Amino acid sequence: MVIFFSVIDEIMSLNFERKIIDFFSISKQLSHFCLFFALFCAISAPAQTKQQRYLDYIERYKAVALQHERDYGVPASITLAQGILESSVGQSKMAQEANNHFGIKAYHWSGEVYGACDSLKQVGYRKYGAPEDSFLDHAKFLKGPRYSVLYQLDVTDYRSWAQGLRDCGYAEDVNYPSKLIAIIEKYELYALNGGHLQNGDRAIQQDVEEQPVSDRWHHRKRRTRTSTEQNQVQQEQVQEQQQPFTPMRQGRVGSSADNE
């Protein structure tokens, strides 16, 4: 009988030890999961916040961009992509302190100037009372003679507009067109004015954060083209490819050469 109870005690002792071991094992796994989850949240939260800044920027300025497209002929998708790129989604120091979202310099400008340095003879940048004033000035700036060739393009031809800006000397960065196109295609800005994703080798992917695109930019219903219209568009595209832009003298945005 004593032996029997001794065996029972031994079994219970072993079961208790196993429970203790299982408990610590589960606790260890749970702690690892919590640590992984905390790291995941810490990494994903800033990315989600940055993603939202893009969408907020588009939502805030899309009406302005569309109005200037109607008034001046500058595609809304191009305007927004340039604003996003050049102002760091409205977060750059110039955008915050001078409401200048496009880096337009203060040549031939009677208003307030930002960042000028007389000792170094550096021309500053135009300072605006509101970001919307910067958007208006940008639209007027692109109506200069340097960019007149661009208005032969359709406002939905965002790829040609992006490349044309570079060829006309708007920016010196050789990757400037692909950066604009990446933003336009990532956030479906081409749909703002009823356009569509243009055919290419593939959609350009740059350093634009992953974000599910929203149908809220599709404010117009797209009309299906007839076969005759499709053939006409294809013929026009072939002609444009055979007659590329003639590169003009490059200069920085807002340079005095723009008024020549």
Protein backbone atom coordinates (compact mmCIF):
# COMPACT_ATOMS: atom_id res chain seq x y z
CA MET A 1 0.00 0.00 0.00
CA VAL A 2 2.82 2.34 0.84
CA ILE A 3 4.42 1.50 -2.47
CA PHE A 4 1.16 2.28 -4.25
CA PHE A 5 0.84 5.75 -2.69
CA SER A 6 4.49 6.37 -3.37
CA VAL A 7 3.94 5.64 -7.06
CA ILE A 8 0.87 7.91 -7.11
CA ASP A 9 2.88 10.74 -5.53
CA GLU A 10 5.62 10.25 -8.08
CA ILE A 11 3.14 10.42 -10.97
CA MET A 12 1.49 13.53 -9.58
CA SER A 13 4.88 15.11 -9.08
CA LEU A 14 5.82 14.38 -12.69
CA ASN A 15 2.51 15.77 -13.96
CA PHE A 16 3.03 18.91 -11.92
CA GLU A 17 6.53 19.34 -13.31
CA ARG A 18 5.23 18.87 -16.83
CA LYS A 19 2.57 21.49 -16.23
CA ILE A 20 5.19 23.89 -14.95
CA ILE A 21 7.38 23.23 -18.00
CA ASP A 22 4.39 23.59 -20.36
CA PHE A 23 3.39 26.82 -18.66
CA PHE A 24 6.82 28.39 -19.07
CA SER A 25 7.02 27.13 -22.63
CA ILE A 26 3.68 28.74 -23.51
CA SER A 27 4.68 31.92 -21.69
CA LYS A 28 7.90 32.08 -23.69
CA GLN A 29 6.05 31.63 -26.96
CA LEU A 30 3.50 34.24 -25.94
CA SER A 31 6.23 36.71 -25.03
CA HIS A 32 7.88 36.16 -28.42
CA PHE A 33 4.55 36.79 -30.15
CA CYS A 34 3.97 39.97 -28.17
CA LEU A 35 7.46 41.20 -28.98
CA PHE A 36 6.98 40.47 -32.69
CA PHE A 37 3.58 42.17 -32.69
CA ALA A 38 5.00 45.25 -30.96
CA LEU A 39 7.83 45.49 -33.50
CA PHE A 40 5.36 45.06 -36.37
CA CYS A 41 3.20 47.89 -35.04
CA ALA A 42 6.22 50.12 -34.52
CA ILE A 43 7.36 49.57 -38.10
CA SER A 44 3.99 49.72 -39.85
CA ALA A 45 2.55 52.72 -37.99
CA PRO A 46 4.90 55.34 -39.50
CA ALA A 47 4.40 53.85 -42.97
CA GLN A 48 0.62 54.02 -42.62
CA THR A 49 0.88 57.60 -41.38
CA LYS A 50 3.01 58.53 -44.37
CA GLN A 51 0.58 56.79 -46.71
CA GLN A 52 -2.25 58.83 -45.29
CA ARG A 53 -0.34 62.05 -45.92
CA TYR A 54 -0.32 61.24 -49.63
CA LEU A 55 -4.06 60.65 -49.68
CA ASP A 56 -4.77 63.74 -47.58
CA TYR A 57 -2.65 65.87 -49.91
CA ILE A 58 -4.50 64.60 -52.97
CA GLU A 59 -7.87 65.08 -51.32
CA ARG A 60 -7.04 68.64 -50.28
CA TYR A 61 -5.66 69.91 -53.60
CA LYS A 62 -7.39 67.84 -56.28
CA ALA A 63 -10.17 70.40 -56.78
CA VAL A 64 -7.59 73.17 -57.25
CA ALA A 65 -5.62 71.04 -59.71
CA LEU A 66 -8.75 70.23 -61.73
CA GLN A 67 -9.79 73.90 -61.85
CA HIS A 68 -6.37 74.90 -63.15
CA GLU A 69 -6.56 72.15 -65.74
CA ARG A 70 -9.75 73.70 -67.05
CA ASP A 71 -8.38 77.26 -66.88
CA TYR A 72 -4.79 76.75 -68.02
CA GLY A 73 -4.61 73.29 -69.58
CA VAL A 74 -2.10 71.76 -67.15
CA PRO A 75 -3.14 68.16 -66.36
CA ALA A 76 -4.37 67.78 -62.79
CA SER A 77 -2.43 64.53 -62.44
CA ILE A 78 0.83 66.31 -63.35
CA THR A 79 0.14 69.21 -61.00
CA LEU A 80 -0.55 66.95 -58.04
CA ALA A 81 2.39 64.66 -58.75
CA GLN A 82 4.73 67.64 -58.98
CA GLY A 83 3.37 69.11 -55.77
CA ILE A 84 3.76 65.81 -53.94
CA LEU A 85 7.28 65.27 -55.22
CA GLU A 86 8.66 68.78 -54.88
CA SER A 87 7.11 69.64 -51.51
CA SER A 88 7.65 66.22 -49.92
CA VAL A 89 3.87 65.85 -49.66
CA GLY A 90 3.59 69.34 -48.21
CA GLN A 91 6.08 68.59 -45.45
CA SER A 92 9.18 70.36 -46.78
CA LYS A 93 10.49 73.43 -44.97
CA MET A 94 9.69 75.66 -47.94
CA ALA A 95 6.15 74.34 -48.16
CA GLN A 96 5.62 74.81 -44.44
CA GLU A 97 7.19 78.27 -44.11
CA ALA A 98 6.57 79.82 -47.54
CA ASN A 99 3.57 77.84 -48.87
CA ASN A 100 5.71 77.20 -51.96
CA HIS A 101 4.98 73.66 -53.17
CA PHE A 102 6.81 73.85 -56.50
CA GLY A 103 10.13 75.54 -55.75
CA ILE A 104 9.42 78.51 -58.00
CA LYS A 105 12.12 81.14 -57.63
CA ALA A 106 11.54 84.85 -57.08
CA TYR A 107 12.61 86.10 -60.52
CA HIS A 108 10.35 88.94 -61.71
CA TRP A 109 8.50 88.78 -58.40
CA SER A 110 7.31 91.74 -56.38
CA GLY A 111 5.99 89.72 -53.47
CA GLU A 112 7.69 88.43 -50.34
CA VAL A 113 10.83 86.36 -50.87
CA TYR A 114 11.91 83.27 -48.95
CA GLY A 115 15.49 82.11 -48.47
CA ALA A 116 17.32 84.89 -50.34
CA CYS A 117 20.96 85.60 -49.51
CA ASP A 118 22.33 88.99 -50.64
CA SER A 119 25.91 88.22 -49.63
CA LEU A 120 26.00 85.15 -51.87
CA LYS A 121 23.81 86.79 -54.53
CA GLN A 122 21.35 83.93 -54.27
CA VAL A 123 17.86 84.50 -55.56
CA GLY A 124 15.26 83.31 -53.09
CA TYR A 125 11.92 81.65 -53.66
CA ARG A 126 8.47 83.09 -53.93
CA LYS A 127 6.56 83.17 -50.67
CA TYR A 128 2.79 82.83 -50.80
CA GLY A 129 -0.02 83.60 -48.43
CA ALA A 130 -1.58 80.15 -48.96
CA PRO A 131 -0.63 76.90 -50.75
CA GLU A 132 -3.42 77.49 -53.27
CA ASP A 133 -1.59 80.65 -54.42
CA SER A 134 1.42 78.48 -55.15
CA PHE A 135 -0.71 76.15 -57.27
CA LEU A 136 -2.07 79.11 -59.23
CA ASP A 137 1.40 80.50 -59.84
CA HIS A 138 2.58 77.07 -60.97
CA ALA A 139 -0.20 76.89 -63.58
CA LYS A 140 0.65 80.38 -64.86
CA PHE A 141 4.36 79.55 -64.86
CA LEU A 142 3.79 76.58 -67.17
CA LYS A 143 2.00 78.85 -69.65
CA GLY A 144 5.35 80.45 -70.48
CA PRO A 145 6.75 80.10 -74.01
CA ARG A 146 9.27 77.47 -72.92
CA TYR A 147 6.48 74.97 -72.28
CA SER A 148 4.15 75.85 -75.16
CA VAL A 149 4.93 72.58 -76.99
CA LEU A 150 3.34 70.62 -74.14
CA TYR A 151 -0.12 71.96 -74.91
CA GLN A 152 -0.17 69.99 -78.14
CA LEU A 153 -0.62 66.93 -75.89
CA ASP A 154 -3.86 65.65 -74.45
CA VAL A 155 -4.32 66.34 -70.76
CA THR A 156 -4.73 62.60 -70.17
CA ASP A 157 -1.33 61.82 -71.74
CA TYR A 158 0.49 62.08 -68.43
CA ARG A 159 3.54 60.10 -69.55
CA SER A 160 4.29 62.47 -72.42
CA TRP A 161 3.66 65.47 -70.18
CA ALA A 162 6.08 64.12 -67.57
CA GLN A 163 8.80 63.52 -70.16
CA GLY A 164 8.02 66.81 -71.88
CA LEU A 165 8.60 68.80 -68.71
CA ARG A 166 12.06 67.29 -68.44
CA ASP A 167 12.83 67.88 -72.12
CA CYS A 168 11.71 71.51 -71.87
CA GLY A 169 14.15 72.11 -69.05
CA TYR A 170 11.81 72.14 -66.05
CA ALA A 171 14.10 69.84 -64.08
CA GLU A 172 17.68 68.64 -64.42
CA ASP A 173 17.04 65.26 -62.77
CA VAL A 174 16.99 62.61 -65.51
CA ASN A 175 14.66 60.51 -63.35
CA TYR A 176 12.17 63.33 -62.89
CA PRO A 177 9.64 61.96 -65.44
CA SER A 178 9.68 58.45 -63.98
CA LYS A 179 9.18 59.83 -60.47
CA LEU A 180 6.11 61.76 -61.57
CA ILE A 181 4.72 58.79 -63.47
CA ALA A 182 5.26 56.50 -60.48
CA ILE A 183 3.19 58.78 -58.24
CA ILE A 184 0.45 59.22 -60.85
CA GLU A 185 0.12 55.48 -61.45
CA LYS A 186 0.46 54.47 -57.80
CA TYR A 187 -2.38 56.74 -56.71
CA GLU A 188 -4.37 56.57 -59.97
CA LEU A 189 -4.20 60.32 -60.45
CA TYR A 190 -4.71 59.76 -64.16
CA ALA A 191 -8.37 59.01 -63.37
CA LEU A 192 -8.99 62.51 -61.99
CA ASN A 193 -9.82 63.86 -65.44
CA GLY A 194 -11.25 60.66 -66.89
CA GLY A 195 -7.92 59.31 -68.10
CA HIS A 196 -6.67 55.76 -67.83
CA LEU A 197 -3.49 53.83 -67.12
CA GLN A 198 -1.33 54.18 -70.19
CA ASN A 199 0.23 51.17 -71.83
CA GLY A 200 3.90 50.63 -71.17
CA ASP A 201 6.28 47.84 -70.39
CA ARG A 202 4.78 47.92 -66.90
CA ALA A 203 3.59 50.40 -64.35
CA ILE A 204 6.63 52.31 -63.12
CA GLN A 205 7.51 51.58 -59.51
CA GLN A 206 9.63 54.11 -57.67
CA ASP A 207 10.02 54.89 -54.00
CA VAL A 208 6.28 55.31 -53.57
CA GLU A 209 4.82 53.57 -50.54
CA GLU A 210 2.47 50.65 -50.95
CA GLN A 211 -1.08 51.83 -50.56
CA PRO A 212 -4.30 50.30 -51.87
CA VAL A 213 -5.61 52.77 -54.40
CA SER A 214 -9.03 54.20 -53.81
CA ASP A 215 -11.87 54.55 -56.27
CA ARG A 216 -12.65 57.96 -54.82
CA TRP A 217 -10.41 59.58 -57.44
CA HIS A 218 -12.70 58.19 -60.17
CA HIS A 219 -15.16 61.06 -60.21
CA ARG A 220 -16.01 60.65 -63.89
CA LYS A 221 -17.47 57.71 -65.69
CA ARG A 222 -15.21 56.61 -68.51
CA ARG A 223 -16.67 56.43 -71.98
CA THR A 224 -15.73 53.39 -74.06
CA ARG A 225 -13.98 54.40 -77.27
CA THR A 226 -15.22 53.19 -80.61
CA SER A 227 -12.90 51.19 -82.88
CA THR A 228 -12.47 54.24 -85.14
CA GLU A 229 -11.42 56.40 -82.18
CA GLN A 230 -9.02 53.74 -80.95
CA ASN A 231 -7.37 53.56 -84.37
CA GLN A 232 -7.07 57.34 -84.47
CA VAL A 233 -5.48 57.43 -81.02
CA GLN A 234 -2.99 54.72 -82.02
CA GLN A 235 -2.04 56.64 -85.16
CA GLU A 236 -1.51 59.82 -83.13
CA GLN A 237 0.69 57.93 -80.65
CA VAL A 238 2.82 56.55 -83.49
CA GLN A 239 3.23 60.07 -84.91
CA GLU A 240 4.24 61.41 -81.51
CA GLN A 241 6.83 58.67 -81.11
CA GLN A 242 8.27 59.52 -84.55
CA GLN A 243 8.46 63.21 -83.63
CA PRO A 244 9.88 63.37 -80.08
CA PHE A 245 10.37 66.59 -78.17
CA THR A 246 13.39 68.65 -79.11
CA PRO A 247 15.33 69.12 -75.85
CA MET A 248 15.67 72.77 -74.95
CA ARG A 249 18.25 74.42 -72.77
CA GLN A 250 17.95 73.08 -69.25
CA GLY A 251 17.45 75.39 -66.34
CA ARG A 252 16.19 75.39 -62.82
CA VAL A 253 12.59 76.08 -61.98
CA GLY A 254 11.85 79.78 -62.07
CA SER A 255 15.09 80.75 -63.79
CA SER A 256 15.31 83.97 -65.75
CA ALA A 257 15.67 81.94 -68.94
CA ASP A 258 12.01 80.98 -68.69
CA ASN A 259 10.97 84.40 -69.83
CA GLU A 260 13.17 84.53 -72.87
